[in-house]
Each structure stands twice: as structure tokens, then as C-alpha cells.
Amino acid sequence: MGNAIGLYITKPDTTPNPNKDPSFDPNLGFPSGRKERVMIATVAEMESAKLPEEERDYCAHVLLQHKKCRREEWPWVYRCHHEKHAYLTCEYEDYVLRMKEYEREKRMLERQKRIQKKQAMELTA
């Protein structure tokens, strides 16, 4: 038994894969559309700062500011606490948004399953 790490999924048919893109229209349910997320930091900026792949997300522009402050204020990096707080806040907000997208995908899959079940009941009746 021990330290096995696993994921027990109770509803595999309505549990979305977090590593895949959403399967539903992102504007479904939003009459006036949604604001599209854009990367502020360019690829050239991230490459020149030598950011690893795992840090090249929507908060990369804030991370670049934090790293710049640390470089300029060394060895008094405590002076960069505002930039660090901005980066951690951005990461948290990105996490919350991703969790909302996951939950939306899950609810859309459950909705699709209910609709299919209802249509199957109408065909048999």
C-alpha cells in the first residue's frame, strides 16, 4: 500500500482531463463574449531573461519585473517585496481562473450527459 499517489475518480465520464484544452465553445453562455487572455511578455523577453518553460505563463511579465528588481537591489532583495507580492497575486489569480475553467468544463460535461439521457428517454418513449 504505502505511499502510492493516485487519483480516484468517481465520475470518469464527466471528469475533464486537466491536460487537454476545453472541448466546449468558450463563449457558450456568454452573450457578449469573454475577454481573451493575452500574454504581455514576449517570447524574446522571456528567452533573454532565461525563464524556464514552467515559468512562461500569463504572469511572466510580473516575474520579469520581480527578477529585475532582485538583480538591481542585490543583496537587499527585501526591497522587492512589492514585486514579489504582485507576482504571487498574479499566480493565485491565474490558479483560480484555471480552476473555474476546470469546473465549467466539468459542469458542461454533466449537462451534455443529462441532455443525451433526456433525448434517449424521449426516443424510447
C-alpha atoms as a PDB file:
ATOM      1  CA  MET A   1       0.000   0.000   0.000  1.00  0.00           C
ATOM      2  CA  GLY A   2       2.353   2.702   1.257  1.00  0.00           C
ATOM      3  CA  ASN A   3       2.911   5.983  -0.469  1.00  0.00           C
ATOM      4  CA  ALA A   4       1.233   5.317  -3.798  1.00  0.00           C
ATOM      5  CA  ILE A   5      -0.021   8.532  -5.312  1.00  0.00           C
ATOM      6  CA  GLY A   6      -3.165   8.172  -7.347  1.00  0.00           C
ATOM      7  CA  LEU A   7      -6.352   9.867  -8.314  1.00  0.00           C
ATOM      8  CA  TYR A   8      -9.649   8.219  -7.550  1.00  0.00           C
ATOM      9  CA  ILE A   9     -12.239   9.495  -9.985  1.00  0.00           C
ATOM     10  CA  THR A  10     -15.849   8.873  -9.004  1.00  0.00           C
ATOM     11  CA  LYS A  11     -17.367  10.027 -12.322  1.00  0.00           C
ATOM     12  CA  PRO A  12     -14.877   9.277 -15.113  1.00  0.00           C
ATOM     13  CA  ASP A  13     -17.318  10.144 -17.903  1.00  0.00           C
ATOM     14  CA  THR A  14     -17.848  13.708 -16.635  1.00  0.00           C
ATOM     15  CA  THR A  15     -14.388  14.421 -15.239  1.00  0.00           C
ATOM     16  CA  PRO A  16     -12.389  16.615 -17.649  1.00  0.00           C
ATOM     17  CA  ASN A  17      -8.748  15.986 -18.403  1.00  0.00           C
ATOM     18  CA  PRO A  18      -6.823  18.956 -16.954  1.00  0.00           C
ATOM     19  CA  ASN A  19      -4.029  18.497 -19.518  1.00  0.00           C
ATOM     20  CA  LYS A  20      -6.290  18.987 -22.551  1.00  0.00           C
ATOM     21  CA  ASP A  21      -7.975  22.056 -23.970  1.00  0.00           C
ATOM     22  CA  PRO A  22     -11.677  22.590 -23.205  1.00  0.00           C
ATOM     23  CA  SER A  23     -13.986  20.691 -25.546  1.00  0.00           C
ATOM     24  CA  PHE A  24     -16.810  23.244 -25.481  1.00  0.00           C
ATOM     25  CA  ASP A  25     -17.112  26.678 -27.031  1.00  0.00           C
ATOM     26  CA  PRO A  26     -15.513  29.136 -24.567  1.00  0.00           C
ATOM     27  CA  ASN A  27     -18.183  31.757 -25.363  1.00  0.00           C
ATOM     28  CA  LEU A  28     -21.122  29.416 -24.743  1.00  0.00           C
ATOM     29  CA  GLY A  29     -23.302  31.077 -22.109  1.00  0.00           C
ATOM     30  CA  PHE A  30     -21.654  34.482 -22.506  1.00  0.00           C
ATOM     31  CA  PRO A  31     -23.931  36.623 -24.713  1.00  0.00           C
ATOM     32  CA  SER A  32     -21.422  39.435 -25.204  1.00  0.00           C
ATOM     33  CA  GLY A  33     -18.374  37.156 -25.324  1.00  0.00           C
ATOM     34  CA  ARG A  34     -15.439  36.837 -22.977  1.00  0.00           C
ATOM     35  CA  LYS A  35     -12.290  38.838 -22.600  1.00  0.00           C
ATOM     36  CA  GLU A  36      -9.439  36.949 -24.246  1.00  0.00           C
ATOM     37  CA  ARG A  37      -6.316  36.418 -22.187  1.00  0.00           C
ATOM     38  CA  VAL A  38      -3.150  37.665 -23.828  1.00  0.00           C
ATOM     39  CA  MET A  39       0.481  37.228 -22.955  1.00  0.00           C
ATOM     40  CA  ILE A  40       2.084  40.556 -22.094  1.00  0.00           C
ATOM     41  CA  ALA A  41       5.674  39.300 -22.027  1.00  0.00           C
ATOM     42  CA  THR A  42       7.072  38.433 -25.439  1.00  0.00           C
ATOM     43  CA  VAL A  43       8.965  35.275 -26.262  1.00  0.00           C
ATOM     44  CA  ALA A  44      12.115  37.308 -26.885  1.00  0.00           C
ATOM     45  CA  GLU A  45      11.888  38.890 -23.413  1.00  0.00           C
ATOM     46  CA  MET A  46      11.410  35.503 -21.758  1.00  0.00           C
ATOM     47  CA  GLU A  47      14.279  33.966 -23.698  1.00  0.00           C
ATOM     48  CA  SER A  48      16.628  36.843 -22.895  1.00  0.00           C
ATOM     49  CA  ALA A  49      15.733  36.529 -19.199  1.00  0.00           C
ATOM     50  CA  LYS A  50      16.334  32.748 -19.483  1.00  0.00           C
ATOM     51  CA  LEU A  51      12.974  31.883 -17.955  1.00  0.00           C
ATOM     52  CA  PRO A  52      12.409  28.131 -17.781  1.00  0.00           C
ATOM     53  CA  GLU A  53       9.387  26.688 -19.592  1.00  0.00           C
ATOM     54  CA  GLU A  54       7.385  26.186 -16.390  1.00  0.00           C
ATOM     55  CA  GLU A  55       7.576  29.925 -15.599  1.00  0.00           C
ATOM     56  CA  ARG A  56       6.438  31.107 -19.048  1.00  0.00           C
ATOM     57  CA  ASP A  57       2.800  31.655 -18.182  1.00  0.00           C
ATOM     58  CA  TYR A  58       0.410  34.616 -18.053  1.00  0.00           C
ATOM     59  CA  CYS A  59       2.327  36.055 -15.078  1.00  0.00           C
ATOM     60  CA  ALA A  60       5.709  36.061 -16.803  1.00  0.00           C
ATOM     61  CA  HIS A  61       5.705  39.857 -17.217  1.00  0.00           C
ATOM     62  CA  VAL A  62       5.330  40.310 -13.436  1.00  0.00           C
ATOM     63  CA  LEU A  63       8.017  37.709 -12.776  1.00  0.00           C
ATOM     64  CA  LEU A  64      10.374  39.569 -15.103  1.00  0.00           C
ATOM     65  CA  GLN A  65       9.826  42.760 -13.100  1.00  0.00           C
ATOM     66  CA  HIS A  66      10.487  40.857  -9.863  1.00  0.00           C
ATOM     67  CA  LYS A  67      13.706  39.337 -11.199  1.00  0.00           C
ATOM     68  CA  LYS A  68      14.834  42.732 -12.485  1.00  0.00           C
ATOM     69  CA  CYS A  69      14.242  44.291  -9.056  1.00  0.00           C
ATOM     70  CA  ARG A  70      16.164  41.489  -7.347  1.00  0.00           C
ATOM     71  CA  ARG A  71      19.063  41.982  -9.738  1.00  0.00           C
ATOM     72  CA  GLU A  72      19.122  45.754  -9.170  1.00  0.00           C
ATOM     73  CA  GLU A  73      18.662  45.637  -5.385  1.00  0.00           C
ATOM     74  CA  TRP A  74      21.036  42.767  -4.604  1.00  0.00           C
ATOM     75  CA  PRO A  75      21.882  41.976  -1.756  1.00  0.00           C
ATOM     76  CA  TRP A  76      18.935  43.913  -0.280  1.00  0.00           C
ATOM     77  CA  VAL A  77      16.282  41.834  -2.031  1.00  0.00           C
ATOM     78  CA  TYR A  78      13.763  42.527   0.725  1.00  0.00           C
ATOM     79  CA  ARG A  79      13.197  45.828  -1.068  1.00  0.00           C
ATOM     80  CA  CYS A  80      11.445  43.879  -3.819  1.00  0.00           C
ATOM     81  CA  HIS A  81       8.598  42.660  -1.638  1.00  0.00           C
ATOM     82  CA  HIS A  82       6.038  44.651  -3.657  1.00  0.00           C
ATOM     83  CA  GLU A  83       7.091  42.944  -6.888  1.00  0.00           C
ATOM     84  CA  LYS A  84       7.082  39.557  -5.184  1.00  0.00           C
ATOM     85  CA  HIS A  85       3.597  40.171  -3.812  1.00  0.00           C
ATOM     86  CA  ALA A  86       2.385  41.250  -7.269  1.00  0.00           C
ATOM     87  CA  TYR A  87       3.804  38.057  -8.786  1.00  0.00           C
ATOM     88  CA  LEU A  88       2.291  35.784  -6.139  1.00  0.00           C
ATOM     89  CA  THR A  89      -1.073  37.542  -6.502  1.00  0.00           C
ATOM     90  CA  CYS A  90      -0.958  37.083 -10.261  1.00  0.00           C
ATOM     91  CA  GLU A  91      -0.132  33.384  -9.857  1.00  0.00           C
ATOM     92  CA  TYR A  92      -3.017  32.929  -7.413  1.00  0.00           C
ATOM     93  CA  GLU A  93      -5.493  34.690  -9.700  1.00  0.00           C
ATOM     94  CA  ASP A  94      -4.297  32.549 -12.616  1.00  0.00           C
ATOM     95  CA  TYR A  95      -4.808  29.422 -10.495  1.00  0.00           C
ATOM     96  CA  VAL A  96      -8.332  30.496  -9.540  1.00  0.00           C
ATOM     97  CA  LEU A  97      -9.177  31.174 -13.181  1.00  0.00           C
ATOM     98  CA  ARG A  98      -7.870  27.754 -14.244  1.00  0.00           C
ATOM     99  CA  MET A  99      -9.922  26.070 -11.511  1.00  0.00           C
ATOM    100  CA  LYS A 100     -13.017  27.943 -12.673  1.00  0.00           C
ATOM    101  CA  GLU A 101     -12.371  26.764 -16.231  1.00  0.00           C
ATOM    102  CA  TYR A 102     -11.983  23.183 -14.987  1.00  0.00           C
ATOM    103  CA  GLU A 103     -15.239  23.413 -13.044  1.00  0.00           C
ATOM    104  CA  ARG A 104     -17.006  24.933 -16.057  1.00  0.00           C
ATOM    105  CA  GLU A 105     -15.816  22.078 -18.270  1.00  0.00           C
ATOM    106  CA  LYS A 106     -16.999  19.556 -15.669  1.00  0.00           C
ATOM    107  CA  ARG A 107     -20.446  21.147 -15.465  1.00  0.00           C
ATOM    108  CA  MET A 108     -20.708  21.314 -19.258  1.00  0.00           C
ATOM    109  CA  LEU A 109     -19.888  17.589 -19.498  1.00  0.00           C
ATOM    110  CA  GLU A 110     -22.557  16.815 -16.902  1.00  0.00           C
ATOM    111  CA  ARG A 111     -25.033  18.994 -18.804  1.00  0.00           C
ATOM    112  CA  GLN A 112     -24.223  17.191 -22.054  1.00  0.00           C
ATOM    113  CA  LYS A 113     -24.755  13.832 -20.345  1.00  0.00           C
ATOM    114  CA  ARG A 114     -28.149  14.965 -18.974  1.00  0.00           C
ATOM    115  CA  ILE A 115     -29.255  16.184 -22.418  1.00  0.00           C
ATOM    116  CA  GLN A 116     -28.210  12.916 -24.054  1.00  0.00           C
ATOM    117  CA  LYS A 117     -30.030  10.925 -21.387  1.00  0.00           C
ATOM    118  CA  LYS A 118     -33.176  13.010 -21.868  1.00  0.00           C
ATOM    119  CA  GLN A 119     -33.029  12.534 -25.660  1.00  0.00           C
ATOM    120  CA  ALA A 120     -32.583   8.780 -25.238  1.00  0.00           C
ATOM    121  CA  MET A 121     -35.636   8.647 -22.937  1.00  0.00           C
ATOM    122  CA  GLU A 122     -37.720  10.579 -25.494  1.00  0.00           C
ATOM    123  CA  LEU A 123     -36.705   8.176 -28.294  1.00  0.00           C
ATOM    124  CA  THR A 124     -37.683   5.095 -26.282  1.00  0.00           C
ATOM    125  CA  ALA A 125     -40.998   6.569 -25.136  1.00  0.00           C
END
